[in-house]
């Protein structure tokens, strides 16, 4: 007599095992794609942050390096203001390139303030005004300050002058000798996640440390 004929196909255990292996393979592929996508997004974010960092640093450095010992305010009861420095604000005169405006000497007013819409975040602004006859003119158009960078945790300026013995003095948060220029200015910034930017330290031109003897600014 012939033996029983076996039916073709897969058993239930084989089907379940194949399903489990397929699901594991799909899960692994999805995890790999997710990780790769996350890495690409983080890389893009870091690249954008680095580009923004270099742009802000370069602009601030160039503007400070162009500072001139030119008065922008001449109060009646004190010396003329040529450089005013606070932790959250710095004011000085520098020639403005034509691609940024009308050219000529302009008061550069860098301000650090809380962003009213940034949940405590800090931003850096720049206000530009033409200087004529030792006075900063009001902008007839009433244009708002330019936004340089926002979404920061903190930002601050500090200043370094020349000591009595001719060496570099200590860093200070307030520049009191407003009729003179500091030797060096530093801008420190922390990003939103607390990551510090490389400090922007600018050595002002030696010809800009003090007004020319007998000169009129």
N, C-alpha and C. Protein backbone atom coordinates (compact mmCIF):
# COMPACT_ATOMS: atom_id res chain seq x y z
N UNK A 1 0.84 -1.20 0.00
CA UNK A 1 0.00 0.00 0.00
C UNK A 1 0.88 1.26 0.00
N UNK A 2 0.41 2.31 -0.66
CA UNK A 2 1.15 3.58 -0.71
C UNK A 2 1.01 4.34 0.63
N UNK A 3 2.11 5.06 0.99
CA UNK A 3 2.04 5.90 2.19
C UNK A 3 1.18 7.12 1.96
N UNK A 4 0.81 7.81 3.00
CA UNK A 4 -0.01 9.03 2.88
C UNK A 4 0.73 10.13 2.14
N UNK A 5 0.01 10.87 1.30
CA UNK A 5 0.60 11.98 0.53
C UNK A 5 0.69 13.24 1.41
N UNK A 6 1.91 13.80 1.51
CA UNK A 6 2.09 15.02 2.34
C UNK A 6 1.67 16.25 1.55
N UNK A 7 0.91 17.09 2.16
CA UNK A 7 0.48 18.34 1.51
C UNK A 7 1.63 19.33 1.45
N UNK A 8 1.77 20.07 0.32
CA UNK A 8 2.83 21.07 0.18
C UNK A 8 2.51 22.35 0.94
N UNK A 9 3.58 23.26 1.16
CA UNK A 9 3.38 24.54 1.83
C UNK A 9 4.23 24.64 3.09
N UNK A 10 3.98 25.75 3.86
CA UNK A 10 4.75 26.02 5.08
C UNK A 10 3.89 25.72 6.30
N UNK A 11 4.57 25.35 7.35
CA UNK A 11 3.86 25.14 8.62
C UNK A 11 3.64 26.49 9.29
N UNK A 12 2.78 26.51 10.27
CA UNK A 12 2.47 27.74 11.00
C UNK A 12 3.71 28.30 11.69
N UNK A 13 4.54 27.41 12.22
CA UNK A 13 5.76 27.87 12.91
C UNK A 13 6.69 28.54 11.92
N UNK A 14 6.83 28.00 10.72
CA UNK A 14 7.69 28.61 9.71
C UNK A 14 7.17 29.98 9.28
N UNK A 15 5.86 30.12 9.15
CA UNK A 15 5.27 31.41 8.79
C UNK A 15 5.53 32.44 9.89
N UNK A 16 5.32 32.03 11.15
CA UNK A 16 5.55 32.96 12.27
C UNK A 16 7.01 33.37 12.34
N UNK A 17 7.91 32.40 12.14
CA UNK A 17 9.34 32.72 12.19
C UNK A 17 9.72 33.69 11.08
N UNK A 18 9.21 33.47 9.89
CA UNK A 18 9.50 34.37 8.78
C UNK A 18 8.95 35.77 9.05
N UNK A 19 7.75 35.84 9.65
CA UNK A 19 7.16 37.15 9.98
C UNK A 19 8.00 37.89 11.00
N UNK A 20 8.46 37.14 12.03
CA UNK A 20 9.30 37.77 13.06
C UNK A 20 10.60 38.29 12.46
N UNK A 21 11.24 37.50 11.59
CA UNK A 21 12.48 37.94 10.96
C UNK A 21 12.25 39.16 10.07
N UNK A 22 11.14 39.16 9.32
CA UNK A 22 10.83 40.30 8.47
C UNK A 22 10.59 41.56 9.30
N UNK A 23 9.85 41.43 10.40
CA UNK A 23 9.60 42.58 11.27
C UNK A 23 10.89 43.10 11.88
N UNK A 24 11.77 42.18 12.30
CA UNK A 24 13.05 42.61 12.87
C UNK A 24 13.90 43.33 11.83
N UNK A 25 13.89 42.82 10.59
CA UNK A 25 14.64 43.48 9.53
C UNK A 25 14.11 44.87 9.23
N UNK A 26 12.79 45.00 9.18
CA UNK A 26 12.19 46.32 8.94
C UNK A 26 12.47 47.29 10.07
N UNK A 27 12.40 46.78 11.32
CA UNK A 27 12.68 47.64 12.47
C UNK A 27 14.13 48.13 12.45
N UNK A 28 15.05 47.22 12.11
CA UNK A 28 16.46 47.61 12.02
C UNK A 28 16.69 48.63 10.92
N UNK A 29 16.05 48.42 9.77
CA UNK A 29 16.20 49.37 8.67
C UNK A 29 15.62 50.73 9.03
N UNK A 30 14.46 50.73 9.72
CA UNK A 30 13.85 51.99 10.12
C UNK A 30 14.73 52.72 11.13
N UNK A 31 15.28 51.97 12.09
CA UNK A 31 16.16 52.59 13.08
C UNK A 31 17.41 53.17 12.42
N UNK A 32 17.96 52.45 11.44
CA UNK A 32 19.14 52.95 10.73
C UNK A 32 18.83 54.22 9.97
N UNK A 33 17.69 54.24 9.27
CA UNK A 33 17.31 55.44 8.52
C UNK A 33 17.04 56.61 9.45
N UNK A 34 16.38 56.34 10.60
CA UNK A 34 16.10 57.40 11.56
C UNK A 34 17.40 57.99 12.11
N UNK A 35 18.34 57.11 12.47
CA UNK A 35 19.62 57.58 12.99
C UNK A 35 20.38 58.39 11.94
N UNK A 36 20.36 57.90 10.69
CA UNK A 36 21.06 58.63 9.63
C UNK A 36 20.42 59.99 9.38
N UNK A 37 19.08 60.03 9.41
CA UNK A 37 18.38 61.29 9.21
C UNK A 37 18.67 62.26 10.36
N UNK A 38 18.68 61.73 11.60
CA UNK A 38 19.00 62.58 12.74
C UNK A 38 20.41 63.13 12.67
N UNK A 39 21.35 62.29 12.25
CA UNK A 39 22.73 62.75 12.10
C UNK A 39 22.84 63.83 11.04
N UNK A 40 22.13 63.64 9.93
CA UNK A 40 22.16 64.66 8.87
C UNK A 40 21.56 65.97 9.34
N UNK A 41 20.46 65.90 10.09
CA UNK A 41 19.83 67.12 10.59
C UNK A 41 20.73 67.84 11.60
N UNK A 42 21.37 67.05 12.48
CA UNK A 42 22.28 67.67 13.45
C UNK A 42 23.47 68.30 12.74
N UNK A 43 23.98 67.61 11.72
CA UNK A 43 25.08 68.17 10.96
C UNK A 43 24.70 69.46 10.25
N UNK A 44 23.49 69.47 9.69
CA UNK A 44 23.01 70.69 9.02
C UNK A 44 22.82 71.82 10.02
N UNK A 45 22.28 71.49 11.19
CA UNK A 45 22.07 72.53 12.22
C UNK A 45 23.41 73.10 12.69
N UNK A 46 24.39 72.22 12.92
CA UNK A 46 25.71 72.68 13.35
C UNK A 46 26.37 73.52 12.27
N UNK A 47 26.19 73.13 11.02
CA UNK A 47 26.76 73.91 9.92
C UNK A 47 26.13 75.30 9.86
N UNK A 48 24.80 75.36 10.03
CA UNK A 48 24.13 76.66 10.02
C UNK A 48 24.57 77.52 11.20
N UNK A 49 24.72 76.87 12.38
CA UNK A 49 25.17 77.61 13.56
C UNK A 49 26.58 78.14 13.35
N UNK A 50 27.44 77.31 12.78
CA UNK A 50 28.82 77.74 12.54
C UNK A 50 28.87 78.89 11.54
N UNK A 51 28.03 78.80 10.50
CA UNK A 51 27.99 79.87 9.51
C UNK A 51 27.50 81.16 10.14
N UNK A 52 26.44 81.06 10.96
CA UNK A 52 25.94 82.25 11.64
C UNK A 52 26.99 82.82 12.58
N UNK A 53 27.69 81.94 13.31
CA UNK A 53 28.72 82.36 14.23
C UNK A 53 29.82 83.13 13.51
N UNK A 54 30.30 82.57 12.40
CA UNK A 54 31.38 83.23 11.66
C UNK A 54 30.92 84.57 11.09
N UNK A 55 29.67 84.64 10.62
CA UNK A 55 29.17 85.89 10.05
C UNK A 55 29.09 86.99 11.11
N UNK A 56 28.54 86.66 12.28
CA UNK A 56 28.41 87.66 13.35
C UNK A 56 29.78 88.07 13.86
N UNK A 57 30.65 87.09 14.11
CA UNK A 57 31.99 87.39 14.60
C UNK A 57 32.75 88.27 13.61
N UNK A 58 32.69 87.92 12.33
CA UNK A 58 33.41 88.69 11.33
C UNK A 58 32.90 90.12 11.23
N UNK A 59 31.57 90.30 11.28
CA UNK A 59 31.01 91.64 11.18
C UNK A 59 31.40 92.49 12.38
N UNK A 60 31.23 91.95 13.59
CA UNK A 60 31.58 92.71 14.79
C UNK A 60 33.07 93.04 14.81
N UNK A 61 33.89 92.08 14.42
CA UNK A 61 35.34 92.30 14.41
C UNK A 61 35.72 93.43 13.45
N UNK A 62 35.15 93.41 12.25
CA UNK A 62 35.48 94.45 11.26
C UNK A 62 35.02 95.82 11.71
N UNK A 63 33.85 95.90 12.32
CA UNK A 63 33.35 97.19 12.75
C UNK A 63 34.18 97.76 13.90
N UNK A 64 34.54 96.92 14.86
CA UNK A 64 35.37 97.40 15.97
C UNK A 64 36.76 97.79 15.49
N UNK A 65 37.31 97.01 14.58
CA UNK A 65 38.65 97.32 14.07
C UNK A 65 38.68 98.63 13.29
N UNK A 66 37.52 99.10 12.84
CA UNK A 66 37.45 100.36 12.09
C UNK A 66 37.13 101.56 12.98
N UNK A 67 37.10 101.37 14.30
CA UNK A 67 36.74 102.45 15.22
C UNK A 67 37.70 103.63 15.09
N UNK A 68 37.13 104.83 15.22
CA UNK A 68 37.92 106.06 15.14
C UNK A 68 37.68 106.88 16.41
N UNK A 69 38.72 107.61 16.88
CA UNK A 69 38.55 108.46 18.07
C UNK A 69 37.81 109.75 17.74
N UNK A 70 36.62 109.60 17.24
CA UNK A 70 35.82 110.75 16.81
C UNK A 70 34.63 110.91 17.74
N UNK A 71 34.40 112.12 18.19
CA UNK A 71 33.32 112.38 19.14
C UNK A 71 31.96 112.20 18.47
N UNK A 72 31.03 111.58 19.22
CA UNK A 72 29.66 111.46 18.74
C UNK A 72 28.68 112.16 19.66
N UNK A 73 29.20 112.70 20.76
CA UNK A 73 28.37 113.48 21.69
C UNK A 73 29.30 114.39 22.48
N UNK A 74 28.91 115.65 22.63
CA UNK A 74 29.75 116.64 23.31
C UNK A 74 28.94 117.32 24.40
N UNK A 75 28.82 116.70 25.58
CA UNK A 75 28.04 117.31 26.65
C UNK A 75 28.68 118.58 27.18
N UNK A 76 27.87 119.49 27.70
CA UNK A 76 28.38 120.77 28.18
C UNK A 76 29.16 120.63 29.48
N UNK A 77 28.82 119.62 30.29
CA UNK A 77 29.45 119.49 31.61
C UNK A 77 30.47 118.36 31.68
N UNK A 78 31.04 117.98 30.57
CA UNK A 78 32.00 116.88 30.60
C UNK A 78 32.73 116.74 29.29
N UNK A 79 33.69 115.80 29.24
CA UNK A 79 34.45 115.60 28.01
C UNK A 79 33.60 114.97 26.92
N UNK A 80 34.06 115.16 25.71
CA UNK A 80 33.34 114.59 24.57
C UNK A 80 33.37 113.07 24.63
N UNK A 81 32.28 112.44 24.19
CA UNK A 81 32.20 110.98 24.16
C UNK A 81 32.77 110.46 22.85
N UNK A 82 33.82 109.64 22.98
CA UNK A 82 34.41 109.01 21.82
C UNK A 82 34.24 107.49 21.85
N UNK A 83 34.04 106.94 23.03
CA UNK A 83 33.81 105.50 23.17
C UNK A 83 33.06 105.28 24.48
N UNK A 84 31.89 104.69 24.40
CA UNK A 84 31.09 104.39 25.59
C UNK A 84 30.87 102.89 25.64
N UNK A 85 31.27 102.26 26.74
CA UNK A 85 31.18 100.80 26.84
C UNK A 85 30.54 100.34 28.12
N UNK A 86 29.53 99.50 28.00
CA UNK A 86 28.86 98.85 29.12
C UNK A 86 28.80 97.34 28.81
N UNK A 87 28.44 96.51 29.79
CA UNK A 87 28.34 95.07 29.50
C UNK A 87 27.35 94.74 28.39
N UNK A 88 26.27 95.54 28.27
CA UNK A 88 25.24 95.24 27.30
C UNK A 88 25.13 96.29 26.19
N UNK A 89 26.14 97.17 26.11
CA UNK A 89 26.05 98.20 25.07
C UNK A 89 27.44 98.79 24.81
N UNK A 90 27.74 99.05 23.54
CA UNK A 90 28.97 99.72 23.18
C UNK A 90 28.68 100.69 22.04
N UNK A 91 29.26 101.90 22.15
CA UNK A 91 29.03 102.93 21.15
C UNK A 91 30.37 103.53 20.73
N UNK A 92 30.55 103.68 19.44
CA UNK A 92 31.78 104.26 18.89
C UNK A 92 31.49 104.70 17.47
N UNK A 93 32.43 105.44 16.89
CA UNK A 93 32.28 105.94 15.52
C UNK A 93 33.24 105.18 14.61
N UNK A 94 32.74 104.79 13.46
CA UNK A 94 33.55 104.14 12.43
C UNK A 94 32.99 104.52 11.07
N UNK A 95 33.85 104.55 10.08
CA UNK A 95 33.39 104.83 8.72
C UNK A 95 32.54 103.66 8.23
N UNK A 96 31.42 103.98 7.65
CA UNK A 96 30.49 102.96 7.17
C UNK A 96 30.76 102.68 5.70
N UNK A 97 30.98 101.41 5.34
CA UNK A 97 31.15 101.10 3.91
C UNK A 97 29.91 101.48 3.12
N UNK A 98 30.11 101.82 1.87
CA UNK A 98 28.99 102.26 1.04
C UNK A 98 27.95 101.17 0.84
N UNK A 99 28.38 99.90 0.89
CA UNK A 99 27.40 98.83 0.68
C UNK A 99 26.46 98.67 1.88
N UNK A 100 26.81 99.31 3.03
CA UNK A 100 25.93 99.26 4.18
C UNK A 100 25.06 100.50 4.32
N UNK A 101 25.33 101.52 3.55
CA UNK A 101 24.53 102.74 3.67
C UNK A 101 25.13 103.85 2.85
N UNK A 102 25.08 105.07 3.39
CA UNK A 102 25.54 106.25 2.67
C UNK A 102 27.04 106.46 2.78
N UNK A 103 27.72 105.69 3.62
CA UNK A 103 29.14 105.87 3.80
C UNK A 103 29.43 107.01 4.77
N UNK A 104 30.73 107.20 5.08
CA UNK A 104 31.13 108.25 5.99
C UNK A 104 31.05 107.81 7.44
N UNK A 105 31.43 108.70 8.38
CA UNK A 105 31.43 108.34 9.80
C UNK A 105 30.01 108.13 10.34
N UNK A 106 29.82 107.01 11.02
CA UNK A 106 28.53 106.69 11.63
C UNK A 106 28.73 106.21 13.06
N UNK A 107 27.82 106.58 13.91
CA UNK A 107 27.79 106.03 15.25
C UNK A 107 27.32 104.59 15.18
N UNK A 108 28.12 103.68 15.72
CA UNK A 108 27.76 102.27 15.81
C UNK A 108 27.29 102.00 17.24
N UNK A 109 26.05 101.65 17.39
CA UNK A 109 25.45 101.43 18.70
C UNK A 109 25.03 99.96 18.80
N UNK A 110 25.93 99.13 19.34
CA UNK A 110 25.63 97.71 19.55
C UNK A 110 24.91 97.56 20.89
N UNK A 111 23.77 96.86 20.86
CA UNK A 111 22.99 96.67 22.08
C UNK A 111 22.65 95.21 22.27
N UNK A 112 22.73 94.76 23.51
CA UNK A 112 22.34 93.40 23.90
C UNK A 112 21.11 93.52 24.78
N UNK A 113 20.04 92.86 24.39
CA UNK A 113 18.80 92.99 25.15
C UNK A 113 18.01 91.69 25.10
N UNK A 114 17.07 91.58 26.03
CA UNK A 114 16.19 90.43 26.05
C UNK A 114 15.19 90.50 24.90
N UNK A 115 15.00 89.37 24.26
CA UNK A 115 14.03 89.30 23.17
C UNK A 115 12.63 89.24 23.78
N UNK A 116 11.77 90.23 23.49
CA UNK A 116 10.43 90.22 24.09
C UNK A 116 9.60 89.03 23.68
N UNK A 117 9.97 88.36 22.60
CA UNK A 117 9.21 87.19 22.14
C UNK A 117 10.03 85.91 22.21
N UNK A 118 11.16 85.95 22.89
CA UNK A 118 12.05 84.81 22.88
C UNK A 118 12.13 84.05 24.18
N UNK A 119 11.17 84.20 25.09
CA UNK A 119 11.14 83.45 26.34
C UNK A 119 12.45 83.58 27.10
N UNK A 120 12.90 84.82 27.29
CA UNK A 120 14.13 85.07 28.02
C UNK A 120 15.39 85.01 27.20
N UNK A 121 15.29 84.70 25.91
CA UNK A 121 16.48 84.64 25.06
C UNK A 121 17.04 86.04 24.84
N UNK A 122 18.30 86.09 24.47
CA UNK A 122 19.02 87.35 24.28
C UNK A 122 19.29 87.55 22.79
N UNK A 123 19.29 88.80 22.37
CA UNK A 123 19.61 89.12 20.98
C UNK A 123 20.57 90.31 20.94
N UNK A 124 21.26 90.48 19.81
CA UNK A 124 22.21 91.56 19.61
C UNK A 124 21.72 92.42 18.46
N UNK A 125 21.62 93.73 18.71
CA UNK A 125 21.12 94.68 17.73
C UNK A 125 22.20 95.71 17.40
N UNK A 126 22.08 96.32 16.24
CA UNK A 126 22.98 97.40 15.84
C UNK A 126 22.17 98.55 15.27
N UNK A 127 22.40 99.72 15.85
CA UNK A 127 21.76 100.95 15.37
C UNK A 127 22.85 101.83 14.78
N UNK A 128 22.62 102.36 13.59
CA UNK A 128 23.60 103.19 12.89
C UNK A 128 23.03 104.59 12.68
N UNK A 129 23.85 105.61 13.01
CA UNK A 129 23.43 106.99 12.80
C UNK A 129 24.62 107.80 12.30
N UNK A 130 24.38 108.65 11.35
CA UNK A 130 25.45 109.49 10.81
C UNK A 130 25.94 110.48 11.86
N UNK A 131 27.24 110.75 11.84
CA UNK A 131 27.87 111.70 12.77
C UNK A 131 28.33 112.91 11.97
N UNK A 132 27.94 114.09 12.44
CA UNK A 132 28.30 115.34 11.78
C UNK A 132 28.59 116.39 12.85
N UNK A 133 29.78 116.99 12.78
CA UNK A 133 30.14 118.02 13.73
C UNK A 133 30.19 117.54 15.16
N UNK A 134 30.59 116.31 15.36
CA UNK A 134 30.71 115.78 16.72
C UNK A 134 29.40 115.37 17.35
N UNK A 135 28.34 115.27 16.58
CA UNK A 135 27.04 114.87 17.09
C UNK A 135 26.43 113.80 16.19
N UNK A 136 25.81 112.81 16.82
CA UNK A 136 25.11 111.77 16.08
C UNK A 136 23.72 112.28 15.70
N UNK A 137 23.41 112.25 14.42
CA UNK A 137 22.14 112.77 13.93
C UNK A 137 21.04 111.73 14.09
N UNK A 138 19.85 112.21 14.30
CA UNK A 138 18.69 111.32 14.35
C UNK A 138 18.34 110.86 12.94
N UNK A 139 17.90 109.63 12.85
CA UNK A 139 17.51 109.09 11.55
C UNK A 139 16.14 109.66 11.18
N UNK A 140 16.06 110.43 10.08
CA UNK A 140 14.76 111.02 9.72
C UNK A 140 13.72 109.99 9.35
N UNK A 141 14.17 108.81 8.91
CA UNK A 141 13.22 107.76 8.53
C UNK A 141 12.78 106.91 9.72
N UNK A 142 13.45 107.07 10.85
CA UNK A 142 13.07 106.30 12.03
C UNK A 142 13.20 104.80 11.86
N UNK A 143 14.24 104.36 11.17
CA UNK A 143 14.42 102.93 10.93
C UNK A 143 14.80 102.22 12.22
N UNK A 144 14.26 101.02 12.44
CA UNK A 144 14.60 100.27 13.66
C UNK A 144 16.01 99.72 13.57
N UNK A 145 16.61 99.36 14.70
CA UNK A 145 17.95 98.77 14.67
C UNK A 145 17.97 97.45 13.89
N UNK A 146 19.14 97.14 13.36
CA UNK A 146 19.31 95.89 12.63
C UNK A 146 19.54 94.74 13.62
N UNK A 147 18.86 93.62 13.37
CA UNK A 147 19.04 92.43 14.20
C UNK A 147 20.23 91.64 13.67
N UNK A 148 21.26 91.47 14.52
CA UNK A 148 22.44 90.72 14.11
C UNK A 148 22.31 89.24 14.43
N UNK A 149 21.85 88.92 15.63
CA UNK A 149 21.71 87.52 16.03
C UNK A 149 20.71 87.47 17.18
N UNK A 150 19.96 86.37 17.25
CA UNK A 150 18.97 86.19 18.30
C UNK A 150 19.00 84.74 18.79
N UNK A 151 18.18 84.46 19.79
CA UNK A 151 18.12 83.10 20.32
C UNK A 151 19.35 82.71 21.12
N UNK A 152 19.96 83.66 21.83
CA UNK A 152 21.16 83.39 22.61
C UNK A 152 20.81 83.24 24.09
N UNK A 153 21.64 82.50 24.80
CA UNK A 153 21.46 82.42 26.25
C UNK A 153 22.03 83.66 26.94
N UNK A 154 23.19 84.11 26.49
CA UNK A 154 23.80 85.29 27.09
C UNK A 154 24.78 85.92 26.11
N UNK A 155 25.08 87.19 26.33
CA UNK A 155 26.07 87.92 25.55
C UNK A 155 26.51 89.13 26.37
N UNK A 156 27.77 89.49 26.27
CA UNK A 156 28.27 90.63 27.04
C UNK A 156 29.57 91.15 26.44
N UNK A 157 29.80 92.45 26.63
CA UNK A 157 31.03 93.10 26.22
C UNK A 157 31.91 93.34 27.45
N UNK A 158 33.21 93.41 27.22
CA UNK A 158 34.12 93.92 28.24
C UNK A 158 35.32 94.55 27.55
N UNK A 159 36.11 95.31 28.34
CA UNK A 159 37.08 96.22 27.75
C UNK A 159 38.40 96.16 28.50
N UNK A 160 39.46 96.51 27.77
CA UNK A 160 40.80 96.49 28.35
C UNK A 160 41.54 97.74 27.92
N UNK A 161 42.09 98.46 28.88
CA UNK A 161 42.83 99.67 28.58
C UNK A 161 44.32 99.48 28.79
N UNK A 162 45.03 100.59 28.84
CA UNK A 162 46.47 100.59 29.05
C UNK A 162 46.75 101.04 30.48
N UNK A 163 47.54 100.25 31.21
CA UNK A 163 47.89 100.59 32.58
C UNK A 163 48.90 101.74 32.61
N UNK A 164 49.16 102.26 33.83
CA UNK A 164 50.06 103.39 33.98
C UNK A 164 51.48 103.06 33.53
N UNK A 165 51.87 101.78 33.66
CA UNK A 165 53.23 101.41 33.25
C UNK A 165 53.32 101.09 31.77
N UNK A 166 52.24 101.30 31.03
CA UNK A 166 52.24 101.06 29.60
C UNK A 166 51.84 99.67 29.17
N UNK A 167 51.61 98.77 30.14
CA UNK A 167 51.20 97.41 29.81
C UNK A 167 49.68 97.35 29.68
N UNK A 168 49.18 96.22 29.20
CA UNK A 168 47.73 96.03 29.08
C UNK A 168 47.12 95.90 30.47
N UNK A 169 46.07 96.66 30.72
CA UNK A 169 45.41 96.63 32.00
C UNK A 169 44.45 95.46 32.13
N UNK A 170 43.78 95.35 33.28
CA UNK A 170 42.83 94.24 33.48
C UNK A 170 41.55 94.45 32.68
N UNK A 171 40.84 93.34 32.44
CA UNK A 171 39.54 93.43 31.78
C UNK A 171 38.55 94.08 32.72
N UNK A 172 37.67 94.90 32.16
CA UNK A 172 36.65 95.58 32.94
C UNK A 172 35.33 95.61 32.17
N UNK A 173 34.23 95.58 32.91
CA UNK A 173 32.92 95.53 32.27
C UNK A 173 32.42 96.91 31.86
N UNK A 174 32.95 97.96 32.47
CA UNK A 174 32.53 99.33 32.16
C UNK A 174 33.76 100.13 31.72
N UNK A 175 33.60 100.84 30.61
CA UNK A 175 34.68 101.70 30.15
C UNK A 175 34.37 103.12 30.60
N UNK A 176 35.15 103.59 31.59
CA UNK A 176 34.86 104.88 32.21
C UNK A 176 35.48 106.06 31.47
N UNK A 177 36.60 105.86 30.79
CA UNK A 177 37.29 106.95 30.11
C UNK A 177 36.68 107.16 28.73
N UNK A 178 35.50 107.74 28.72
CA UNK A 178 34.74 107.85 27.48
C UNK A 178 35.38 108.79 26.46
N UNK A 179 36.31 109.64 26.90
CA UNK A 179 36.98 110.52 25.94
C UNK A 179 38.14 109.82 25.24
N UNK A 180 38.49 108.61 25.69
CA UNK A 180 39.56 107.82 25.10
C UNK A 180 39.02 106.50 24.57
N UNK A 181 39.84 105.84 23.76
CA UNK A 181 39.47 104.54 23.22
C UNK A 181 40.14 103.44 24.02
N UNK A 182 39.48 102.32 24.24
CA UNK A 182 40.16 101.20 24.91
C UNK A 182 41.19 100.55 23.99
N UNK A 183 42.06 99.78 24.62
CA UNK A 183 43.06 99.05 23.84
C UNK A 183 42.42 97.85 23.13
N UNK A 184 41.47 97.19 23.81
CA UNK A 184 40.89 95.97 23.29
C UNK A 184 39.43 95.85 23.74
N UNK A 185 38.62 95.25 22.91
CA UNK A 185 37.21 94.98 23.22
C UNK A 185 36.95 93.50 23.01
N UNK A 186 36.15 92.92 23.90
CA UNK A 186 35.81 91.50 23.78
C UNK A 186 34.29 91.34 23.82
N UNK A 187 33.79 90.48 22.96
CA UNK A 187 32.38 90.09 22.97
C UNK A 187 32.31 88.60 23.26
N UNK A 188 31.57 88.25 24.32
CA UNK A 188 31.38 86.85 24.70
C UNK A 188 29.92 86.47 24.49
N UNK A 189 29.69 85.31 23.87
CA UNK A 189 28.35 84.85 23.52
C UNK A 189 28.19 83.40 23.92
N UNK A 190 27.04 83.06 24.47
CA UNK A 190 26.64 81.68 24.70
C UNK A 190 25.39 81.39 23.90
N UNK A 191 25.40 80.29 23.16
CA UNK A 191 24.25 79.91 22.35
C UNK A 191 23.10 79.46 23.24
N UNK A 192 21.98 79.18 22.61
CA UNK A 192 20.77 78.82 23.37
C UNK A 192 20.98 77.58 24.23
N UNK A 193 21.82 76.65 23.77
CA UNK A 193 22.07 75.43 24.53
C UNK A 193 23.23 75.56 25.50
N UNK A 194 23.73 76.78 25.70
CA UNK A 194 24.82 77.01 26.64
C UNK A 194 26.20 76.82 26.05
N UNK A 195 26.28 76.53 24.77
CA UNK A 195 27.59 76.33 24.14
C UNK A 195 28.24 77.67 23.88
N UNK A 196 29.43 77.93 24.45
CA UNK A 196 30.06 79.24 24.24
C UNK A 196 30.67 79.36 22.85
N UNK A 197 30.49 80.54 22.26
CA UNK A 197 31.18 80.84 21.02
C UNK A 197 32.63 81.21 21.34
N UNK A 198 33.53 81.07 20.39
CA UNK A 198 34.88 81.61 20.61
C UNK A 198 34.79 83.11 20.86
N UNK A 199 35.44 83.61 21.91
CA UNK A 199 35.33 85.04 22.20
C UNK A 199 35.87 85.90 21.07
N UNK A 200 35.16 86.98 20.78
CA UNK A 200 35.60 87.93 19.75
C UNK A 200 36.43 89.00 20.44
N UNK A 201 37.73 88.95 20.27
CA UNK A 201 38.64 89.93 20.87
C UNK A 201 39.27 90.75 19.76
N UNK A 202 39.08 92.07 19.87
CA UNK A 202 39.54 92.97 18.81
C UNK A 202 40.49 93.99 19.41
N UNK A 203 41.67 94.05 18.85
CA UNK A 203 42.65 95.07 19.22
C UNK A 203 42.39 96.30 18.38
N UNK A 204 42.01 97.40 19.02
CA UNK A 204 41.72 98.61 18.27
C UNK A 204 43.00 99.19 17.68
N UNK A 205 42.91 99.86 16.54
CA UNK A 205 44.10 100.46 15.94
C UNK A 205 44.78 101.40 16.92
N UNK A 206 46.12 101.34 16.97
CA UNK A 206 46.85 102.17 17.92
C UNK A 206 46.60 103.65 17.70
N UNK A 207 46.35 104.05 16.46
CA UNK A 207 46.08 105.46 16.17
C UNK A 207 44.74 105.90 16.73
N UNK A 208 43.91 104.91 17.15
CA UNK A 208 42.58 105.24 17.66
C UNK A 208 42.50 105.20 19.17
N UNK A 209 43.63 104.96 19.85
CA UNK A 209 43.59 104.89 21.31
C UNK A 209 43.29 106.25 21.90
N UNK A 210 43.83 107.29 21.33
CA UNK A 210 43.60 108.64 21.86
C UNK A 210 43.54 109.61 20.68
N UNK A 211 42.88 110.77 20.84
CA UNK A 211 42.83 111.75 19.77
C UNK A 211 44.21 112.28 19.44
N UNK A 212 44.38 112.69 18.20
CA UNK A 212 45.65 113.28 17.78
C UNK A 212 45.90 114.56 18.56
N UNK A 213 47.13 114.72 19.03
CA UNK A 213 47.48 115.89 19.84
C UNK A 213 47.19 117.16 19.04
N UNK A 214 46.39 118.02 19.65
CA UNK A 214 46.07 119.28 19.03
C UNK A 214 45.06 119.17 17.91
N UNK A 215 44.60 117.95 17.63
CA UNK A 215 43.66 117.78 16.53
C UNK A 215 42.24 118.08 16.95
N UNK A 216 41.38 118.30 16.00
CA UNK A 216 39.97 118.56 16.24
C UNK A 216 39.15 117.45 15.62
N UNK A 217 38.29 116.84 16.42
CA UNK A 217 37.45 115.73 15.94
C UNK A 217 35.99 116.15 15.99
